[in-house]
Amino acid sequence: MLTTRKIAENAIVASLYFVLTIVSTPIAYGQIQFRIAEALMLLCFYRKDFVVGLTVGCFLANLGSTLLPWDLVFGTLATLLSGLAIAFLSPRLILGVLYPALFNGFIVGAELFYIVGLPFWINVGYVALGELAVLAVGYVLFLLLSRNKGFMDALRAEPSRRAVRW
């Protein structure tokens, strides 16, 4: 059910994604990227509705990309697919680390190949490795935070996702 509270919470998530990307602009775009905001993708594991906030945040952050309008479409699509996969296909948080690496690696890698002319498989590898690095840090952070009842209550995590196992 869509409530004012959920809209506000998703707006906060979108804002966090946007701000984290903008403040890390030098490393957030391009072939070798470490988009720190991507660690927030793991929020989709706890709350499926955060897919919306993260997708909107990515779209807004991609307005700063040098690959407009392509990054608005394909970069945002990669985030949307990653969020949906984490929310609906991940029985464990650790699997949530893999989806953004795969989707961003292949989609953004293909975008860089077709738009900029950079080597396809090298793009896929670089983007996926950058994603894995950021999400590994995010995984450890969320694993630690998930043990904090106050954090989980504030997050309003779905009951089935509160007890995070590997």
N, C-alpha and C. Protein backbone atom coordinates (compact mmCIF):
# COMPACT_ATOMS: atom_id res chain seq x y z
N MET A 1 0.84 -1.18 0.00
CA MET A 1 0.00 0.00 0.00
C MET A 1 0.88 1.24 0.00
N LEU A 2 0.56 2.18 -0.84
CA LEU A 2 1.33 3.41 -0.96
C LEU A 2 0.87 4.41 0.09
N THR A 3 1.80 4.83 0.94
CA THR A 3 1.47 5.79 1.98
C THR A 3 2.39 7.00 1.85
N THR A 4 2.00 8.08 2.51
CA THR A 4 2.84 9.27 2.52
C THR A 4 4.19 8.95 3.13
N ARG A 5 4.20 8.12 4.15
CA ARG A 5 5.45 7.75 4.81
C ARG A 5 6.38 7.01 3.84
N LYS A 6 5.85 6.06 3.08
CA LYS A 6 6.68 5.32 2.12
C LYS A 6 7.22 6.25 1.03
N ILE A 7 6.41 7.18 0.59
CA ILE A 7 6.87 8.15 -0.41
C ILE A 7 8.01 8.98 0.16
N ALA A 8 7.84 9.44 1.40
CA ALA A 8 8.88 10.25 2.04
C ALA A 8 10.16 9.44 2.25
N GLU A 9 10.02 8.20 2.68
CA GLU A 9 11.20 7.35 2.89
C GLU A 9 11.93 7.09 1.58
N ASN A 10 11.18 6.87 0.51
CA ASN A 10 11.81 6.66 -0.80
C ASN A 10 12.46 7.94 -1.30
N ALA A 11 11.88 9.08 -0.98
CA ALA A 11 12.50 10.36 -1.36
C ALA A 11 13.84 10.54 -0.62
N ILE A 12 13.89 10.12 0.63
CA ILE A 12 15.14 10.19 1.40
C ILE A 12 16.18 9.27 0.78
N VAL A 13 15.78 8.06 0.42
CA VAL A 13 16.71 7.10 -0.21
C VAL A 13 17.21 7.65 -1.55
N ALA A 14 16.31 8.21 -2.35
CA ALA A 14 16.70 8.81 -3.63
C ALA A 14 17.69 9.95 -3.40
N SER A 15 17.43 10.77 -2.41
CA SER A 15 18.33 11.89 -2.09
C SER A 15 19.70 11.40 -1.66
N LEU A 16 19.73 10.37 -0.82
CA LEU A 16 21.02 9.81 -0.38
C LEU A 16 21.82 9.28 -1.57
N TYR A 17 21.15 8.55 -2.45
CA TYR A 17 21.82 8.02 -3.64
C TYR A 17 22.39 9.17 -4.47
N PHE A 18 21.56 10.17 -4.72
CA PHE A 18 21.98 11.32 -5.53
C PHE A 18 23.17 12.04 -4.91
N VAL A 19 23.08 12.37 -3.64
CA VAL A 19 24.15 13.12 -2.97
C VAL A 19 25.44 12.31 -2.92
N LEU A 20 25.36 11.03 -2.56
CA LEU A 20 26.57 10.21 -2.52
C LEU A 20 27.24 10.11 -3.89
N THR A 21 26.44 10.08 -4.94
CA THR A 21 27.02 10.01 -6.28
C THR A 21 27.64 11.35 -6.67
N ILE A 22 26.96 12.42 -6.40
CA ILE A 22 27.47 13.74 -6.79
C ILE A 22 28.76 14.09 -6.03
N VAL A 23 28.81 13.78 -4.74
CA VAL A 23 30.03 14.12 -3.98
C VAL A 23 31.21 13.23 -4.37
N SER A 24 30.92 12.11 -4.99
CA SER A 24 32.01 11.22 -5.44
C SER A 24 32.12 11.20 -6.96
N THR A 25 31.73 12.30 -7.60
CA THR A 25 31.69 12.39 -9.06
C THR A 25 32.97 11.90 -9.75
N PRO A 26 34.16 12.27 -9.30
CA PRO A 26 35.36 11.84 -10.04
C PRO A 26 35.50 10.31 -10.18
N ILE A 27 34.93 9.57 -9.23
CA ILE A 27 35.06 8.10 -9.30
C ILE A 27 33.72 7.41 -9.58
N ALA A 28 32.65 8.18 -9.78
CA ALA A 28 31.31 7.61 -9.90
C ALA A 28 30.88 7.33 -11.33
N TYR A 29 31.60 7.84 -12.31
CA TYR A 29 31.21 7.68 -13.71
C TYR A 29 32.40 7.14 -14.51
N GLY A 30 32.10 6.54 -15.65
CA GLY A 30 33.16 6.12 -16.55
C GLY A 30 33.42 4.63 -16.54
N GLN A 31 34.51 4.25 -17.20
CA GLN A 31 34.85 2.83 -17.36
C GLN A 31 35.22 2.19 -16.03
N ILE A 32 36.06 2.87 -15.28
CA ILE A 32 36.43 2.38 -13.95
C ILE A 32 35.70 3.27 -12.96
N GLN A 33 34.68 2.71 -12.33
CA GLN A 33 33.85 3.52 -11.44
C GLN A 33 33.63 2.83 -10.11
N PHE A 34 33.64 3.65 -9.09
CA PHE A 34 33.32 3.21 -7.74
C PHE A 34 32.21 4.12 -7.24
N ARG A 35 30.99 3.84 -7.67
CA ARG A 35 29.84 4.66 -7.28
C ARG A 35 29.42 4.23 -5.89
N ILE A 36 29.87 5.00 -4.91
CA ILE A 36 29.66 4.68 -3.50
C ILE A 36 28.17 4.47 -3.20
N ALA A 37 27.31 5.22 -3.85
CA ALA A 37 25.87 5.12 -3.62
C ALA A 37 25.32 3.73 -3.94
N GLU A 38 26.02 2.97 -4.75
CA GLU A 38 25.55 1.63 -5.10
C GLU A 38 25.48 0.70 -3.90
N ALA A 39 26.20 1.01 -2.83
CA ALA A 39 26.09 0.21 -1.61
C ALA A 39 24.67 0.26 -1.06
N LEU A 40 23.97 1.34 -1.34
CA LEU A 40 22.58 1.48 -0.89
C LEU A 40 21.64 0.49 -1.58
N MET A 41 22.08 -0.11 -2.67
CA MET A 41 21.24 -1.07 -3.38
C MET A 41 20.81 -2.21 -2.46
N LEU A 42 21.62 -2.51 -1.46
CA LEU A 42 21.29 -3.60 -0.55
C LEU A 42 20.09 -3.28 0.33
N LEU A 43 19.67 -2.02 0.37
CA LEU A 43 18.44 -1.66 1.08
C LEU A 43 17.24 -2.41 0.49
N CYS A 44 17.30 -2.73 -0.80
CA CYS A 44 16.20 -3.45 -1.45
C CYS A 44 15.99 -4.82 -0.84
N PHE A 45 17.02 -5.36 -0.23
CA PHE A 45 16.88 -6.66 0.43
C PHE A 45 15.93 -6.55 1.62
N TYR A 46 15.99 -5.43 2.32
CA TYR A 46 15.20 -5.23 3.52
C TYR A 46 13.81 -4.68 3.23
N ARG A 47 13.72 -3.86 2.20
CA ARG A 47 12.44 -3.25 1.83
C ARG A 47 12.32 -3.20 0.31
N LYS A 48 11.39 -3.96 -0.23
CA LYS A 48 11.21 -4.03 -1.68
C LYS A 48 10.84 -2.67 -2.29
N ASP A 49 10.12 -1.85 -1.55
CA ASP A 49 9.69 -0.56 -2.10
C ASP A 49 10.86 0.40 -2.31
N PHE A 50 12.01 0.14 -1.70
CA PHE A 50 13.17 1.01 -1.90
C PHE A 50 13.74 0.91 -3.32
N VAL A 51 13.28 -0.05 -4.10
CA VAL A 51 13.67 -0.12 -5.51
C VAL A 51 13.29 1.20 -6.20
N VAL A 52 12.16 1.74 -5.84
CA VAL A 52 11.68 2.99 -6.45
C VAL A 52 12.62 4.15 -6.09
N GLY A 53 12.92 4.33 -4.83
CA GLY A 53 13.78 5.42 -4.40
C GLY A 53 15.17 5.34 -4.99
N LEU A 54 15.72 4.14 -5.05
CA LEU A 54 17.06 3.97 -5.61
C LEU A 54 17.08 4.22 -7.12
N THR A 55 16.04 3.81 -7.79
CA THR A 55 15.96 4.03 -9.24
C THR A 55 15.83 5.52 -9.55
N VAL A 56 15.00 6.21 -8.80
CA VAL A 56 14.84 7.65 -8.98
C VAL A 56 16.16 8.36 -8.66
N GLY A 57 16.81 7.97 -7.57
CA GLY A 57 18.09 8.57 -7.20
C GLY A 57 19.14 8.37 -8.28
N CYS A 58 19.17 7.17 -8.86
CA CYS A 58 20.12 6.88 -9.94
C CYS A 58 19.82 7.74 -11.17
N PHE A 59 18.55 7.84 -11.52
CA PHE A 59 18.17 8.66 -12.67
C PHE A 59 18.64 10.10 -12.48
N LEU A 60 18.38 10.65 -11.30
CA LEU A 60 18.78 12.04 -11.02
C LEU A 60 20.30 12.18 -11.01
N ALA A 61 21.00 11.20 -10.44
CA ALA A 61 22.47 11.25 -10.41
C ALA A 61 23.05 11.16 -11.82
N ASN A 62 22.39 10.39 -12.68
CA ASN A 62 22.88 10.23 -14.05
C ASN A 62 22.69 11.48 -14.90
N LEU A 63 21.98 12.47 -14.39
CA LEU A 63 21.89 13.76 -15.08
C LEU A 63 23.26 14.43 -15.12
N GLY A 64 24.16 14.00 -14.23
CA GLY A 64 25.52 14.53 -14.20
C GLY A 64 26.49 13.77 -15.07
N SER A 65 26.03 12.76 -15.76
CA SER A 65 26.89 11.94 -16.61
C SER A 65 27.24 12.65 -17.91
N THR A 66 28.42 12.35 -18.41
CA THR A 66 28.83 12.88 -19.71
C THR A 66 28.22 12.09 -20.86
N LEU A 67 27.55 10.99 -20.56
CA LEU A 67 26.96 10.14 -21.59
C LEU A 67 25.44 10.33 -21.71
N LEU A 68 24.99 11.57 -21.51
CA LEU A 68 23.57 11.84 -21.67
C LEU A 68 23.19 11.69 -23.14
N PRO A 69 22.04 11.23 -23.47
CA PRO A 69 20.96 10.75 -22.64
C PRO A 69 21.07 9.25 -22.33
N TRP A 70 22.10 8.61 -22.85
CA TRP A 70 22.21 7.15 -22.76
C TRP A 70 22.30 6.64 -21.33
N ASP A 71 23.05 7.36 -20.49
CA ASP A 71 23.19 6.91 -19.11
C ASP A 71 21.88 7.05 -18.34
N LEU A 72 21.06 8.02 -18.73
CA LEU A 72 19.75 8.15 -18.09
C LEU A 72 18.92 6.89 -18.33
N VAL A 73 19.00 6.35 -19.54
CA VAL A 73 18.22 5.18 -19.90
C VAL A 73 18.87 3.90 -19.39
N PHE A 74 20.11 3.65 -19.82
CA PHE A 74 20.73 2.35 -19.55
C PHE A 74 21.29 2.23 -18.13
N GLY A 75 21.87 3.28 -17.61
CA GLY A 75 22.36 3.24 -16.23
C GLY A 75 21.21 3.07 -15.25
N THR A 76 20.13 3.79 -15.50
CA THR A 76 18.96 3.68 -14.64
C THR A 76 18.30 2.31 -14.78
N LEU A 77 18.27 1.78 -16.00
CA LEU A 77 17.73 0.44 -16.22
C LEU A 77 18.53 -0.60 -15.43
N ALA A 78 19.84 -0.48 -15.43
CA ALA A 78 20.68 -1.43 -14.68
C ALA A 78 20.36 -1.36 -13.19
N THR A 79 20.15 -0.16 -12.68
CA THR A 79 19.80 -0.01 -11.26
C THR A 79 18.42 -0.60 -10.98
N LEU A 80 17.47 -0.34 -11.84
CA LEU A 80 16.13 -0.89 -11.65
C LEU A 80 16.16 -2.42 -11.64
N LEU A 81 16.82 -3.02 -12.61
CA LEU A 81 16.89 -4.49 -12.67
C LEU A 81 17.63 -5.06 -11.46
N SER A 82 18.70 -4.40 -11.05
CA SER A 82 19.45 -4.84 -9.88
C SER A 82 18.58 -4.81 -8.63
N GLY A 83 17.87 -3.69 -8.45
CA GLY A 83 17.01 -3.56 -7.28
C GLY A 83 15.90 -4.60 -7.25
N LEU A 84 15.29 -4.84 -8.41
CA LEU A 84 14.23 -5.86 -8.47
C LEU A 84 14.78 -7.25 -8.17
N ALA A 85 15.96 -7.55 -8.69
CA ALA A 85 16.57 -8.86 -8.44
C ALA A 85 16.91 -9.03 -6.96
N ILE A 86 17.46 -7.98 -6.35
CA ILE A 86 17.79 -8.07 -4.93
C ILE A 86 16.51 -8.25 -4.11
N ALA A 87 15.48 -7.48 -4.43
CA ALA A 87 14.24 -7.52 -3.67
C ALA A 87 13.48 -8.83 -3.81
N PHE A 88 13.46 -9.38 -5.02
CA PHE A 88 12.59 -10.52 -5.26
C PHE A 88 13.29 -11.85 -5.50
N LEU A 89 14.60 -11.84 -5.76
CA LEU A 89 15.30 -13.08 -6.06
C LEU A 89 16.36 -13.47 -5.03
N SER A 90 16.63 -12.59 -4.07
CA SER A 90 17.71 -12.85 -3.11
C SER A 90 17.20 -13.44 -1.81
N PRO A 91 17.42 -14.72 -1.59
CA PRO A 91 17.05 -15.29 -0.30
C PRO A 91 18.04 -14.90 0.80
N ARG A 92 19.23 -14.48 0.40
CA ARG A 92 20.27 -14.06 1.34
C ARG A 92 20.90 -12.76 0.86
N LEU A 93 21.35 -11.97 1.81
CA LEU A 93 21.93 -10.67 1.49
C LEU A 93 23.15 -10.80 0.59
N ILE A 94 23.96 -11.82 0.78
CA ILE A 94 25.20 -11.98 0.00
C ILE A 94 24.90 -12.08 -1.50
N LEU A 95 23.78 -12.68 -1.87
CA LEU A 95 23.42 -12.77 -3.29
C LEU A 95 23.09 -11.41 -3.86
N GLY A 96 22.63 -10.50 -3.01
CA GLY A 96 22.33 -9.15 -3.45
C GLY A 96 23.54 -8.40 -3.96
N VAL A 97 24.71 -8.84 -3.58
CA VAL A 97 25.95 -8.22 -4.05
C VAL A 97 26.20 -8.55 -5.52
N LEU A 98 25.76 -9.70 -5.95
CA LEU A 98 26.06 -10.16 -7.31
C LEU A 98 25.22 -9.49 -8.40
N TYR A 99 23.95 -9.25 -8.12
CA TYR A 99 23.06 -8.72 -9.17
C TYR A 99 23.51 -7.37 -9.72
N PRO A 100 23.82 -6.37 -8.87
CA PRO A 100 24.27 -5.10 -9.45
C PRO A 100 25.58 -5.23 -10.23
N ALA A 101 26.46 -6.11 -9.78
CA ALA A 101 27.72 -6.31 -10.52
C ALA A 101 27.42 -6.87 -11.91
N LEU A 102 26.52 -7.82 -12.00
CA LEU A 102 26.18 -8.41 -13.30
C LEU A 102 25.42 -7.43 -14.19
N PHE A 103 24.35 -6.84 -13.66
CA PHE A 103 23.54 -5.94 -14.49
C PHE A 103 24.34 -4.71 -14.91
N ASN A 104 25.02 -4.06 -13.97
CA ASN A 104 25.79 -2.87 -14.32
C ASN A 104 26.97 -3.24 -15.20
N GLY A 105 27.62 -4.35 -14.89
CA GLY A 105 28.75 -4.77 -15.70
C GLY A 105 28.37 -4.92 -17.16
N PHE A 106 27.29 -5.64 -17.42
CA PHE A 106 26.90 -5.89 -18.81
C PHE A 106 26.19 -4.70 -19.45
N ILE A 107 25.28 -4.07 -18.74
CA ILE A 107 24.52 -2.97 -19.36
C ILE A 107 25.39 -1.73 -19.54
N VAL A 108 26.07 -1.30 -18.47
CA VAL A 108 26.94 -0.12 -18.59
C VAL A 108 28.15 -0.45 -19.46
N GLY A 109 28.65 -1.68 -19.35
CA GLY A 109 29.76 -2.10 -20.21
C GLY A 109 29.39 -2.02 -21.68
N ALA A 110 28.19 -2.47 -22.02
CA ALA A 110 27.71 -2.38 -23.41
C ALA A 110 27.51 -0.93 -23.82
N GLU A 111 27.00 -0.13 -22.90
CA GLU A 111 26.81 1.30 -23.19
C GLU A 111 28.15 1.95 -23.54
N LEU A 112 29.17 1.69 -22.74
CA LEU A 112 30.49 2.26 -23.00
C LEU A 112 31.07 1.73 -24.32
N PHE A 113 30.79 0.49 -24.64
CA PHE A 113 31.26 -0.10 -25.89
C PHE A 113 30.60 0.59 -27.09
N TYR A 114 29.28 0.69 -27.08
CA TYR A 114 28.57 1.24 -28.22
C TYR A 114 28.68 2.76 -28.34
N ILE A 115 28.72 3.46 -27.23
CA ILE A 115 28.72 4.93 -27.27
C ILE A 115 30.14 5.49 -27.37
N VAL A 116 31.05 4.95 -26.57
CA VAL A 116 32.41 5.51 -26.51
C VAL A 116 33.39 4.70 -27.35
N GLY A 117 33.07 3.43 -27.60
CA GLY A 117 33.94 2.59 -28.41
C GLY A 117 35.02 1.88 -27.62
N LEU A 118 34.83 1.77 -26.31
CA LEU A 118 35.81 1.07 -25.48
C LEU A 118 35.58 -0.44 -25.59
N PRO A 119 36.60 -1.25 -25.38
CA PRO A 119 36.48 -2.72 -25.53
C PRO A 119 35.40 -3.32 -24.61
N PHE A 120 34.52 -4.11 -25.20
CA PHE A 120 33.35 -4.63 -24.48
C PHE A 120 33.72 -5.39 -23.22
N TRP A 121 34.49 -6.46 -23.34
CA TRP A 121 34.75 -7.33 -22.18
C TRP A 121 35.58 -6.64 -21.11
N ILE A 122 36.43 -5.72 -21.52
CA ILE A 122 37.19 -4.95 -20.53
C ILE A 122 36.24 -4.04 -19.77
N ASN A 123 35.30 -3.40 -20.48
CA ASN A 123 34.29 -2.57 -19.82
C ASN A 123 33.47 -3.37 -18.82
N VAL A 124 32.99 -4.51 -19.26
CA VAL A 124 32.18 -5.37 -18.39
C VAL A 124 32.97 -5.69 -17.13
N GLY A 125 34.22 -6.09 -17.30
CA GLY A 125 35.05 -6.45 -16.15
C GLY A 125 35.30 -5.28 -15.20
N TYR A 126 35.68 -4.13 -15.75
CA TYR A 126 35.96 -2.97 -14.91
C TYR A 126 34.72 -2.49 -14.14
N VAL A 127 33.62 -2.38 -14.85
CA VAL A 127 32.40 -1.90 -14.19
C VAL A 127 31.95 -2.92 -13.13
N ALA A 128 31.98 -4.19 -13.45
CA ALA A 128 31.57 -5.22 -12.49
C ALA A 128 32.50 -5.25 -11.27
N LEU A 129 33.79 -5.13 -11.48
CA LEU A 129 34.73 -5.12 -10.35
C LEU A 129 34.52 -3.90 -9.45
N GLY A 130 34.30 -2.75 -10.05
CA GLY A 130 34.01 -1.56 -9.25
C GLY A 130 32.75 -1.73 -8.43
N GLU A 131 31.72 -2.31 -9.04
CA GLU A 131 30.46 -2.60 -8.36
C GLU A 131 30.70 -3.57 -7.21
N LEU A 132 31.44 -4.66 -7.48
CA LEU A 132 31.70 -5.65 -6.43
C LEU A 132 32.45 -5.04 -5.25
N ALA A 133 33.40 -4.16 -5.54
CA ALA A 133 34.17 -3.54 -4.46
C ALA A 133 33.26 -2.70 -3.57
N VAL A 134 32.43 -1.88 -4.17
CA VAL A 134 31.53 -1.02 -3.40
C VAL A 134 30.51 -1.86 -2.64
N LEU A 135 29.96 -2.86 -3.30
CA LEU A 135 28.93 -3.68 -2.66
C LEU A 135 29.50 -4.60 -1.59
N ALA A 136 30.75 -4.98 -1.70
CA ALA A 136 31.39 -5.77 -0.63
C ALA A 136 31.46 -4.94 0.64
N VAL A 137 31.84 -3.69 0.51
CA VAL A 137 31.87 -2.80 1.67
C VAL A 137 30.45 -2.60 2.20
N GLY A 138 29.49 -2.38 1.29
CA GLY A 138 28.10 -2.23 1.70
C GLY A 138 27.57 -3.47 2.39
N TYR A 139 27.96 -4.63 1.90
CA TYR A 139 27.52 -5.89 2.51
C TYR A 139 27.98 -5.98 3.97
N VAL A 140 29.24 -5.70 4.20
CA VAL A 140 29.78 -5.75 5.58
C VAL A 140 29.05 -4.73 6.45
N LEU A 141 28.86 -3.53 5.92
CA LEU A 141 28.17 -2.48 6.67
C LEU A 141 26.75 -2.90 7.02
N PHE A 142 26.00 -3.41 6.06
CA PHE A 142 24.63 -3.81 6.33
C PHE A 142 24.56 -5.06 7.20
N LEU A 143 25.53 -5.93 7.09
CA LEU A 143 25.56 -7.10 7.95
C LEU A 143 25.71 -6.66 9.41
N LEU A 144 26.59 -5.69 9.65
CA LEU A 144 26.77 -5.16 11.00
C LEU A 144 25.54 -4.38 11.47
N LEU A 145 25.01 -3.53 10.60
CA LEU A 145 23.84 -2.73 10.98
C LEU A 145 22.60 -3.59 11.23
N SER A 146 22.49 -4.70 10.53
CA SER A 146 21.31 -5.56 10.68
C SER A 146 21.23 -6.20 12.06
N ARG A 147 22.33 -6.18 12.78
CA ARG A 147 22.33 -6.73 14.14
C ARG A 147 21.82 -5.71 15.16
N ASN A 148 21.63 -4.47 14.71
CA ASN A 148 21.17 -3.40 15.58
C ASN A 148 19.66 -3.27 15.46
N LYS A 149 18.95 -3.61 16.54
CA LYS A 149 17.49 -3.58 16.52
C LYS A 149 16.97 -2.18 16.20
N GLY A 150 17.61 -1.16 16.71
CA GLY A 150 17.18 0.22 16.46
C GLY A 150 17.26 0.56 14.98
N PHE A 151 18.34 0.13 14.33
CA PHE A 151 18.48 0.37 12.90
C PHE A 151 17.40 -0.36 12.12
N MET A 152 17.18 -1.60 12.45
CA MET A 152 16.17 -2.38 11.74
C MET A 152 14.76 -1.82 11.95
N ASP A 153 14.49 -1.32 13.16
CA ASP A 153 13.19 -0.69 13.42
C ASP A 153 13.05 0.60 12.62
N ALA A 154 14.11 1.42 12.60
CA ALA A 154 14.08 2.68 11.85
C ALA A 154 13.93 2.41 10.35
N LEU A 155 14.57 1.37 9.87
CA LEU A 155 14.49 0.99 8.46
C LEU A 155 13.11 0.42 8.13
N ARG A 156 12.44 -0.09 9.15
CA ARG A 156 11.15 -0.77 8.98
C ARG A 156 11.30 -1.94 8.02
N ALA A 157 12.34 -2.72 8.27
CA ALA A 157 12.63 -3.88 7.43
C ALA A 157 11.50 -4.88 7.50
N GLU A 158 11.28 -5.55 6.38
CA GLU A 158 10.25 -6.58 6.33
C GLU A 158 10.61 -7.67 7.34
N PRO A 159 9.63 -8.19 8.07
CA PRO A 159 9.89 -9.17 9.14
C PRO A 159 10.73 -10.37 8.68
N SER A 160 10.49 -10.86 7.49
CA SER A 160 11.23 -12.04 7.02
C SER A 160 12.69 -11.71 6.71
N ARG A 161 13.04 -10.44 6.63
CA ARG A 161 14.41 -10.04 6.28
C ARG A 161 15.18 -9.48 7.47
N ARG A 162 14.59 -9.50 8.65
CA ARG A 162 15.26 -8.93 9.81
C ARG A 162 16.43 -9.78 10.29
N ALA A 163 16.27 -11.07 10.28
CA ALA A 163 17.34 -11.97 10.71
C ALA A 163 18.19 -12.31 9.50
N VAL A 164 19.20 -11.49 9.24
CA VAL A 164 20.02 -11.67 8.04
C VAL A 164 21.04 -12.77 8.30
N ARG A 165 21.00 -13.75 7.43
CA ARG A 165 22.03 -14.77 7.42
C ARG A 165 22.87 -14.53 6.19
N TRP A 166 24.04 -15.02 6.22
CA TRP A 166 24.95 -14.90 5.08
C TRP A 166 24.18 -14.72 3.84
